[in-house]
Amino acid sequence: MQPMQFEIGDRLRLRKKHPCGCFDWEVVRLGADIGLRCEKCNRRILLPRSEVERRVKQVLPRLAPAETDSFDEE
């Protein structure tokens, strides 16, 4: 079986909820270990790739990029 393909910014729904009550996480680091950030409380965790692949229930659509304030340089 091939490993799942993840990219920075992907949103994942895991099988078990975080103690804050949220199921949704954002991928913030890739490698042998995958860094995830909770979308509700912003807690960051680092899990082995095999653990993340086992825990993923659903890959969620990406959020629209946050609009940043543009500065008018004069």
N, C-alpha and C. Protein backbone atom coordinates (compact mmCIF):
# COMPACT_ATOMS: atom_id res chain seq x y z
N MET A 1 0.85 -1.18 0.00
CA MET A 1 0.00 0.00 0.00
C MET A 1 0.89 1.25 0.00
N GLN A 2 0.55 2.23 -0.83
CA GLN A 2 1.33 3.46 -0.92
C GLN A 2 0.99 4.39 0.23
N PRO A 3 1.97 5.17 0.69
CA PRO A 3 1.68 6.14 1.74
C PRO A 3 0.76 7.25 1.21
N MET A 4 -0.04 7.81 2.09
CA MET A 4 -0.92 8.91 1.71
C MET A 4 -0.07 10.13 1.38
N GLN A 5 -0.52 10.94 0.45
CA GLN A 5 0.18 12.15 0.07
C GLN A 5 -0.43 13.33 0.82
N PHE A 6 0.39 14.02 1.59
CA PHE A 6 -0.04 15.20 2.31
C PHE A 6 0.75 16.39 1.82
N GLU A 7 0.17 17.58 1.95
CA GLU A 7 0.85 18.83 1.63
C GLU A 7 0.63 19.78 2.80
N ILE A 8 1.54 20.74 2.94
CA ILE A 8 1.38 21.76 3.97
C ILE A 8 0.07 22.49 3.70
N GLY A 9 -0.73 22.68 4.74
CA GLY A 9 -2.00 23.38 4.59
C GLY A 9 -3.19 22.46 4.42
N ASP A 10 -2.95 21.15 4.20
CA ASP A 10 -4.07 20.21 4.10
C ASP A 10 -4.82 20.18 5.43
N ARG A 11 -6.12 19.98 5.35
CA ARG A 11 -6.94 19.86 6.56
C ARG A 11 -7.40 18.41 6.67
N LEU A 12 -7.28 17.86 7.88
CA LEU A 12 -7.63 16.46 8.13
C LEU A 12 -8.63 16.36 9.25
N ARG A 13 -9.56 15.41 9.13
CA ARG A 13 -10.47 15.08 10.22
C ARG A 13 -10.01 13.74 10.76
N LEU A 14 -9.65 13.72 12.05
CA LEU A 14 -9.16 12.49 12.67
C LEU A 14 -10.30 11.74 13.35
N ARG A 15 -10.07 10.47 13.65
CA ARG A 15 -11.11 9.62 14.23
C ARG A 15 -11.45 9.98 15.67
N LYS A 16 -10.44 10.37 16.45
CA LYS A 16 -10.69 10.72 17.85
C LYS A 16 -10.60 12.23 18.01
N LYS A 17 -11.42 12.79 18.88
CA LYS A 17 -11.36 14.23 19.05
C LYS A 17 -10.28 14.63 20.06
N HIS A 18 -9.78 15.81 19.87
CA HIS A 18 -8.80 16.42 20.76
C HIS A 18 -9.51 16.76 22.07
N PRO A 19 -8.80 16.86 23.20
CA PRO A 19 -9.47 17.21 24.45
C PRO A 19 -10.26 18.51 24.40
N CYS A 20 -9.92 19.43 23.48
CA CYS A 20 -10.69 20.67 23.35
C CYS A 20 -12.02 20.43 22.65
N GLY A 21 -12.22 19.25 22.06
CA GLY A 21 -13.48 18.90 21.42
C GLY A 21 -13.47 18.97 19.91
N CYS A 22 -12.34 19.29 19.30
CA CYS A 22 -12.26 19.46 17.85
C CYS A 22 -11.70 18.20 17.18
N PHE A 23 -12.22 17.87 16.01
CA PHE A 23 -11.74 16.73 15.23
C PHE A 23 -10.82 17.17 14.09
N ASP A 24 -10.78 18.47 13.78
CA ASP A 24 -10.12 18.97 12.58
C ASP A 24 -8.73 19.53 12.86
N TRP A 25 -7.77 19.16 11.98
CA TRP A 25 -6.37 19.54 12.14
C TRP A 25 -5.82 20.02 10.82
N GLU A 26 -4.79 20.88 10.88
CA GLU A 26 -4.11 21.36 9.69
C GLU A 26 -2.68 20.83 9.68
N VAL A 27 -2.20 20.38 8.51
CA VAL A 27 -0.83 19.89 8.38
C VAL A 27 0.11 21.10 8.33
N VAL A 28 1.08 21.14 9.25
CA VAL A 28 2.03 22.26 9.31
C VAL A 28 3.47 21.82 9.10
N ARG A 29 3.75 20.52 9.08
CA ARG A 29 5.11 20.02 8.90
C ARG A 29 5.04 18.64 8.27
N LEU A 30 5.95 18.38 7.34
CA LEU A 30 5.99 17.08 6.66
C LEU A 30 7.36 16.45 6.80
N GLY A 31 7.39 15.15 6.72
CA GLY A 31 8.62 14.37 6.83
C GLY A 31 8.25 12.99 7.31
N ALA A 32 9.18 12.32 8.00
CA ALA A 32 8.86 11.02 8.59
C ALA A 32 7.79 11.23 9.66
N ASP A 33 7.87 12.37 10.35
CA ASP A 33 6.83 12.77 11.30
C ASP A 33 6.02 13.89 10.67
N ILE A 34 4.75 13.96 11.02
CA ILE A 34 3.88 14.99 10.47
C ILE A 34 3.42 15.88 11.61
N GLY A 35 3.59 17.18 11.43
CA GLY A 35 3.14 18.16 12.42
C GLY A 35 1.71 18.58 12.10
N LEU A 36 0.87 18.58 13.12
CA LEU A 36 -0.53 18.97 12.98
C LEU A 36 -0.85 20.09 13.96
N ARG A 37 -1.76 20.99 13.55
CA ARG A 37 -2.22 22.08 14.41
C ARG A 37 -3.73 21.97 14.55
N CYS A 38 -4.21 21.94 15.79
CA CYS A 38 -5.65 21.87 16.05
C CYS A 38 -6.29 23.17 15.57
N GLU A 39 -7.41 23.08 14.86
CA GLU A 39 -8.05 24.26 14.32
C GLU A 39 -8.83 25.05 15.37
N LYS A 40 -9.11 24.45 16.51
CA LYS A 40 -9.87 25.16 17.54
C LYS A 40 -8.95 25.83 18.56
N CYS A 41 -7.98 25.10 19.11
CA CYS A 41 -7.15 25.64 20.19
C CYS A 41 -5.72 25.95 19.75
N ASN A 42 -5.38 25.65 18.49
CA ASN A 42 -4.05 25.90 17.92
C ASN A 42 -2.92 25.10 18.56
N ARG A 43 -3.22 24.06 19.31
CA ARG A 43 -2.18 23.18 19.88
C ARG A 43 -1.51 22.46 18.74
N ARG A 44 -0.19 22.30 18.82
CA ARG A 44 0.57 21.61 17.78
C ARG A 44 1.07 20.28 18.32
N ILE A 45 0.95 19.24 17.48
CA ILE A 45 1.45 17.92 17.85
C ILE A 45 2.30 17.38 16.71
N LEU A 46 3.15 16.42 17.01
CA LEU A 46 4.01 15.77 16.03
C LEU A 46 3.76 14.28 16.15
N LEU A 47 3.29 13.66 15.06
CA LEU A 47 2.99 12.23 15.05
C LEU A 47 3.75 11.54 13.93
N PRO A 48 4.13 10.28 14.13
CA PRO A 48 4.72 9.52 13.01
C PRO A 48 3.72 9.42 11.86
N ARG A 49 4.24 9.41 10.65
CA ARG A 49 3.38 9.35 9.45
C ARG A 49 2.42 8.17 9.51
N SER A 50 2.89 7.02 9.96
CA SER A 50 2.03 5.82 10.01
C SER A 50 0.85 6.04 10.96
N GLU A 51 1.10 6.74 12.05
CA GLU A 51 0.03 7.02 13.02
C GLU A 51 -1.02 7.96 12.41
N VAL A 52 -0.57 8.98 11.70
CA VAL A 52 -1.49 9.93 11.07
C VAL A 52 -2.34 9.21 10.02
N GLU A 53 -1.70 8.38 9.20
CA GLU A 53 -2.44 7.66 8.16
C GLU A 53 -3.51 6.76 8.77
N ARG A 54 -3.22 6.18 9.92
CA ARG A 54 -4.18 5.29 10.57
C ARG A 54 -5.33 6.09 11.19
N ARG A 55 -5.04 7.29 11.71
CA ARG A 55 -6.04 8.09 12.41
C ARG A 55 -6.93 8.93 11.50
N VAL A 56 -6.52 9.16 10.25
CA VAL A 56 -7.28 10.03 9.35
C VAL A 56 -8.61 9.38 9.00
N LYS A 57 -9.67 10.16 9.19
CA LYS A 57 -11.00 9.70 8.82
C LYS A 57 -11.40 10.31 7.48
N GLN A 58 -11.01 11.59 7.27
CA GLN A 58 -11.43 12.30 6.07
C GLN A 58 -10.44 13.44 5.79
N VAL A 59 -10.18 13.68 4.51
CA VAL A 59 -9.39 14.86 4.12
C VAL A 59 -10.40 15.94 3.77
N LEU A 60 -10.30 17.09 4.45
CA LEU A 60 -11.25 18.18 4.28
C LEU A 60 -10.77 19.14 3.20
N PRO A 61 -11.70 19.90 2.60
CA PRO A 61 -11.26 20.90 1.61
C PRO A 61 -10.46 22.00 2.28
N ARG A 62 -9.53 22.57 1.54
CA ARG A 62 -8.71 23.65 2.07
C ARG A 62 -9.56 24.90 2.28
N LEU A 63 -9.15 25.70 3.27
CA LEU A 63 -9.81 26.97 3.50
C LEU A 63 -9.26 28.00 2.53
N ALA A 64 -10.06 29.00 2.21
CA ALA A 64 -9.59 30.08 1.36
C ALA A 64 -8.48 30.82 2.11
N PRO A 65 -7.43 31.25 1.42
CA PRO A 65 -6.35 31.95 2.12
C PRO A 65 -6.88 33.21 2.80
N ALA A 66 -6.37 33.46 3.99
CA ALA A 66 -6.80 34.63 4.74
C ALA A 66 -6.35 35.89 4.02
N GLU A 67 -7.27 36.83 3.93
CA GLU A 67 -6.92 38.08 3.27
C GLU A 67 -6.04 38.90 4.19
N THR A 68 -4.92 39.34 3.68
CA THR A 68 -4.01 40.13 4.49
C THR A 68 -4.22 41.60 4.19
N ASP A 69 -3.92 42.43 5.17
CA ASP A 69 -4.04 43.87 4.98
C ASP A 69 -2.88 44.32 4.09
N SER A 70 -3.22 45.02 3.04
CA SER A 70 -2.16 45.52 2.17
C SER A 70 -1.85 46.95 2.58
N PHE A 71 -0.57 47.25 2.61
CA PHE A 71 -0.13 48.58 3.00
C PHE A 71 0.12 49.40 1.73
N ASP A 72 -0.37 50.59 1.73
CA ASP A 72 -0.10 51.50 0.60
C ASP A 72 1.16 52.26 0.91
N GLU A 73 2.23 51.88 0.22
CA GLU A 73 3.50 52.56 0.45
C GLU A 73 3.56 53.80 -0.41
N GLU A 74 3.83 54.90 0.23
CA GLU A 74 3.92 56.17 -0.49
C GLU A 74 5.23 56.83 -0.24
